[in-house]
Protein backbone atom coordinates (compact mmCIF):
# COMPACT_ATOMS: atom_id res chain seq x y z
CA MET A 1 -19.18 -0.33 -0.32
CA ASN A 2 -19.51 -1.69 -4.25
CA TYR A 3 -17.73 -2.23 -7.09
CA LEU A 4 -16.01 1.09 -8.23
CA ALA A 5 -15.03 1.07 -4.62
CA HIS A 6 -13.79 -2.49 -4.15
CA LEU A 7 -12.18 -2.04 -7.56
CA PHE A 8 -10.25 0.81 -6.75
CA LEU A 9 -8.89 -0.07 -3.57
CA ALA A 10 -7.62 -2.97 -4.95
CA GLY A 11 -4.76 -1.44 -6.85
CA LYS A 12 -3.11 -2.40 -10.06
CA ASN A 13 -2.16 -6.25 -8.88
CA HIS A 14 -4.35 -8.62 -10.90
CA GLY A 15 -4.82 -11.00 -8.65
CA MET A 16 -6.19 -8.29 -6.02
CA ILE A 17 -8.59 -6.92 -8.46
CA LEU A 18 -10.26 -10.39 -8.98
CA GLY A 19 -10.74 -11.12 -5.31
CA SER A 20 -12.05 -7.81 -4.58
CA LEU A 21 -15.24 -9.19 -6.78
CA LEU A 22 -14.85 -13.03 -6.49
CA GLU A 23 -14.93 -12.62 -2.18
CA ASP A 24 -18.95 -12.90 -2.69
CA TYR A 25 -19.14 -15.45 -4.56
CA ILE A 26 -16.98 -18.25 -2.38
CA VAL A 27 -17.75 -19.21 1.22
CA GLY A 28 -15.64 -19.42 4.80
CA GLY A 29 -12.72 -18.68 5.43
CA VAL A 30 -9.96 -17.28 2.64
CA GLU A 31 -7.57 -20.53 3.84
CA ASN A 32 -10.10 -23.06 4.03
CA GLU A 33 -9.74 -26.23 2.09
CA THR A 34 -12.08 -24.91 -0.57
CA ASN A 35 -10.14 -21.81 -1.29
CA ARG A 36 -6.59 -22.42 -0.09
CA HIS A 37 -6.39 -23.34 -3.78
CA LEU A 38 -5.83 -19.94 -4.73
CA PRO A 39 -3.50 -17.80 -5.72
CA ALA A 40 -1.59 -15.61 -2.88
CA ASP A 41 -2.66 -12.50 -5.01
CA VAL A 42 -6.12 -13.14 -5.09
CA LYS A 43 -6.22 -14.45 -1.42
CA THR A 44 -5.27 -10.94 -0.67
CA GLY A 45 -7.61 -9.07 -2.84
CA LEU A 46 -10.23 -11.37 -0.59
CA LYS A 47 -9.02 -10.31 2.63
CA LEU A 48 -8.86 -6.89 1.23
CA HIS A 49 -12.34 -7.03 0.70
CA ARG A 50 -13.47 -8.13 4.14
CA HIS A 51 -11.41 -5.54 5.54
CA ILE A 52 -13.25 -2.74 3.46
CA ASP A 53 -16.46 -4.09 4.16
CA THR A 54 -15.57 -4.21 8.25
CA PHE A 55 -14.39 -0.93 8.33
CA THR A 56 -16.93 0.57 6.59
CA ASP A 57 -19.90 -1.53 8.26
CA SER A 58 -18.86 -0.31 12.19
CA ASP A 59 -17.56 3.69 10.54
CA ARG A 60 -19.64 6.41 11.72
CA GLU A 61 -19.64 8.70 8.80
CA VAL A 62 -21.00 5.69 7.23
CA ALA A 63 -23.75 5.02 10.20
CA ALA A 64 -24.86 8.76 9.71
CA CYS A 65 -25.68 8.32 5.94
CA LYS A 66 -27.66 5.24 6.21
CA GLN A 67 -29.45 7.66 8.90
CA PHE A 68 -30.93 9.59 6.08
CA PHE A 69 -32.40 6.64 4.25
CA TYR A 70 -33.69 4.17 7.82
CA PRO A 71 -37.12 6.03 7.47
CA GLY A 72 -38.08 4.96 4.06
CA PHE A 73 -35.93 1.43 3.57
CA GLY A 74 -35.02 0.59 7.09
CA LYS A 75 -33.03 -2.59 6.97
CA TYR A 76 -32.38 -2.24 3.16
CA ALA A 77 -30.75 1.47 3.96
CA PRO A 78 -27.26 0.07 3.53
CA VAL A 79 -27.97 -1.36 0.53
CA VAL A 80 -28.81 1.93 -0.53
CA VAL A 81 -25.77 3.45 1.11
CA ASP A 82 -23.02 1.07 -0.51
CA VAL A 83 -24.70 1.85 -4.23
CA ILE A 84 -24.63 5.90 -3.69
CA LEU A 85 -21.57 6.11 -2.17
CA ASP A 86 -20.12 4.52 -5.48
CA HIS A 87 -21.30 8.02 -7.09
CA PHE A 88 -19.37 10.01 -4.38
CA LEU A 89 -16.09 8.41 -5.19
CA HIS A 90 -16.92 9.00 -9.19
CA LYS A 91 -17.39 12.59 -8.25
CA ASN A 92 -14.53 13.08 -6.07
CA TRP A 93 -12.01 10.81 -8.43
CA ALA A 94 -9.58 13.73 -8.57
CA VAL A 95 -9.07 13.81 -4.47
CA PHE A 96 -7.97 9.95 -4.74
CA ALA A 97 -7.23 8.55 -7.57
CA GLY A 98 -3.60 8.96 -9.28
CA GLU A 99 -4.65 8.15 -12.95
CA GLU A 100 -7.53 9.26 -15.08
CA PHE A 101 -10.85 7.65 -14.38
CA ASP A 102 -11.31 6.34 -17.95
CA VAL A 103 -7.79 5.06 -17.75
CA PHE A 104 -8.58 3.11 -14.45
CA LYS A 105 -11.69 1.20 -15.69
CA ASN A 106 -10.61 0.44 -18.73
CA ARG A 107 -7.29 -1.43 -16.95
CA VAL A 108 -9.84 -2.74 -14.65
CA TYR A 109 -12.10 -3.97 -17.46
CA ASP A 110 -8.72 -5.84 -19.19
CA SER A 111 -7.82 -7.05 -16.40
CA LEU A 112 -11.14 -9.01 -15.30
CA THR A 113 -11.29 -9.72 -19.15
CA THR A 114 -7.89 -11.43 -19.62
CA GLN A 115 -5.95 -12.44 -16.80
CA TYR A 116 -7.43 -15.53 -14.08
CA THR A 117 -10.28 -15.96 -16.03
CA GLU A 118 -10.41 -19.21 -14.93
CA LEU A 119 -10.59 -18.51 -11.44
CA GLN A 120 -14.15 -17.02 -12.30
CA PRO A 121 -17.59 -18.63 -11.37
CA PRO A 122 -19.95 -18.28 -14.03
CA PRO A 123 -22.45 -15.54 -11.94
CA LEU A 124 -19.09 -14.04 -12.00
CA LYS A 125 -17.94 -14.33 -15.10
CA ALA A 126 -21.49 -12.96 -16.47
CA LEU A 127 -21.29 -10.00 -14.42
CA VAL A 128 -17.97 -9.03 -15.61
CA GLU A 129 -19.37 -9.21 -19.43
CA SER A 130 -22.41 -7.53 -17.93
CA MET A 131 -20.08 -4.68 -16.38
CA VAL A 132 -17.74 -4.23 -19.02
CA TYR A 133 -20.93 -4.29 -21.64
CA HIS A 134 -23.10 -1.65 -20.31
CA ASP A 135 -19.83 0.09 -18.58
CA TRP A 136 -21.39 0.13 -15.19
CA LEU A 137 -18.20 1.78 -13.31
CA LYS A 138 -18.74 4.79 -15.46
CA SER A 139 -22.38 5.03 -14.95
CA TYR A 140 -22.00 5.51 -11.14
CA ILE A 141 -20.95 9.44 -12.30
CA HIS A 142 -24.97 10.32 -13.31
CA PHE A 143 -28.27 9.89 -11.43
CA ARG A 144 -29.65 7.83 -13.72
CA GLY A 145 -26.93 5.37 -13.65
CA VAL A 146 -27.60 5.56 -9.73
CA GLU A 147 -30.99 4.54 -10.40
CA LYS A 148 -30.34 1.20 -12.87
CA ALA A 149 -28.17 0.34 -10.19
CA LEU A 150 -30.82 0.72 -6.95
CA SER A 151 -33.20 -0.80 -9.98
CA SER A 152 -31.43 -4.14 -10.76
CA LEU A 153 -31.42 -4.90 -6.60
CA ASN A 154 -35.20 -4.67 -6.59
CA ARG A 155 -35.34 -8.03 -7.80
CA ARG A 156 -33.78 -9.18 -4.43
CA VAL A 157 -36.42 -6.93 -2.67
CA GLN A 158 -40.15 -6.77 -2.15
CA GLN A 159 -40.86 -3.96 0.65
CA VAL A 160 -39.78 -1.43 -0.73
CA ASP A 161 -38.17 0.35 -4.60
CA LEU A 162 -35.23 1.32 -4.01
CA THR A 163 -34.90 3.55 -6.85
CA GLU A 164 -37.20 5.58 -4.52
CA ALA A 165 -33.73 6.56 -2.21
CA LEU A 166 -32.64 8.80 -5.53
CA PRO A 167 -34.77 12.01 -4.00
CA VAL A 168 -33.80 11.34 -0.71
CA MET A 169 -30.04 10.89 -1.53
CA LYS A 170 -30.50 14.67 -4.07
CA GLN A 171 -32.29 16.04 -0.58
CA HIS A 172 -29.31 15.49 1.66
CA TYR A 173 -26.45 15.64 -1.12
CA GLY A 174 -24.20 18.14 0.09
CA GLU A 175 -23.91 16.32 3.58
CA ILE A 176 -23.62 12.85 2.43
CA ASP A 177 -20.81 14.41 0.05
CA ARG A 178 -18.95 15.70 3.19
CA LEU A 179 -19.29 12.21 5.27
CA PHE A 180 -17.85 11.02 2.21
CA LEU A 181 -15.07 12.82 1.98
CA SER A 182 -13.96 12.27 5.31
CA PHE A 183 -14.46 8.34 5.73
CA PHE A 184 -12.74 7.55 2.41
CA LYS A 185 -9.83 9.47 2.89
CA ARG A 186 -9.66 7.30 6.24
CA LEU A 187 -10.74 3.59 4.26
CA LYS A 188 -8.29 4.70 1.74
CA GLU A 189 -5.51 5.19 4.64
CA SER A 190 -6.41 2.22 6.40
CA CYS A 191 -5.97 -0.06 3.17
CA ASP A 192 -3.36 1.12 1.96
CA THR A 193 -1.49 0.91 5.48
CA GLU A 194 -2.89 -2.22 5.83
CA PHE A 195 -2.10 -3.91 2.03
CA PHE A 196 0.03 -1.45 0.16
CA LYS A 197 3.05 -1.04 2.66
CA ASP A 198 5.54 -0.82 -0.11
CA GLY A 199 3.42 1.79 -2.23
CA GLN A 200 2.67 -0.79 -5.07
């Protein structure tokens, strides 16, 4: 999953919100010598991020979504699907969220720019600054926003143009939406059960 899903599933705890992004910038186990100094809630956020990735990577309906993109994008099909699933979360926001999207978005931006900022390595600081300035989280609802997210990934991809996945997404839009709704319901239930047993 991409940024929107990870931040949404992190709930309202500041440490878990940071951990949902920080995981991409750390190496090794959560409790290893390098990472064990982190606050407990940040480490929980790291574990949640890994739980989401493991669940998603092994999910049958996500695998079905990837099949639409393998012919044109090969090994990059999972990268494409990670991005476009954030679009479908935004589209179906009212199904899963108990707060308005703009309230959620502003809460997350405020958390990332005011809480635990001393724990953000420079690359993550730069990402957060760009995310807030360009309002990445809201951009996913528009096809243009999805295209821009895919375009930014092209810097690390040589073999294919990931923006060409957009017509494939539009062609299979209804099918992907149906698969997403079933998948994300189970993912959210799994995260809630594993990490939010007290309902917080």
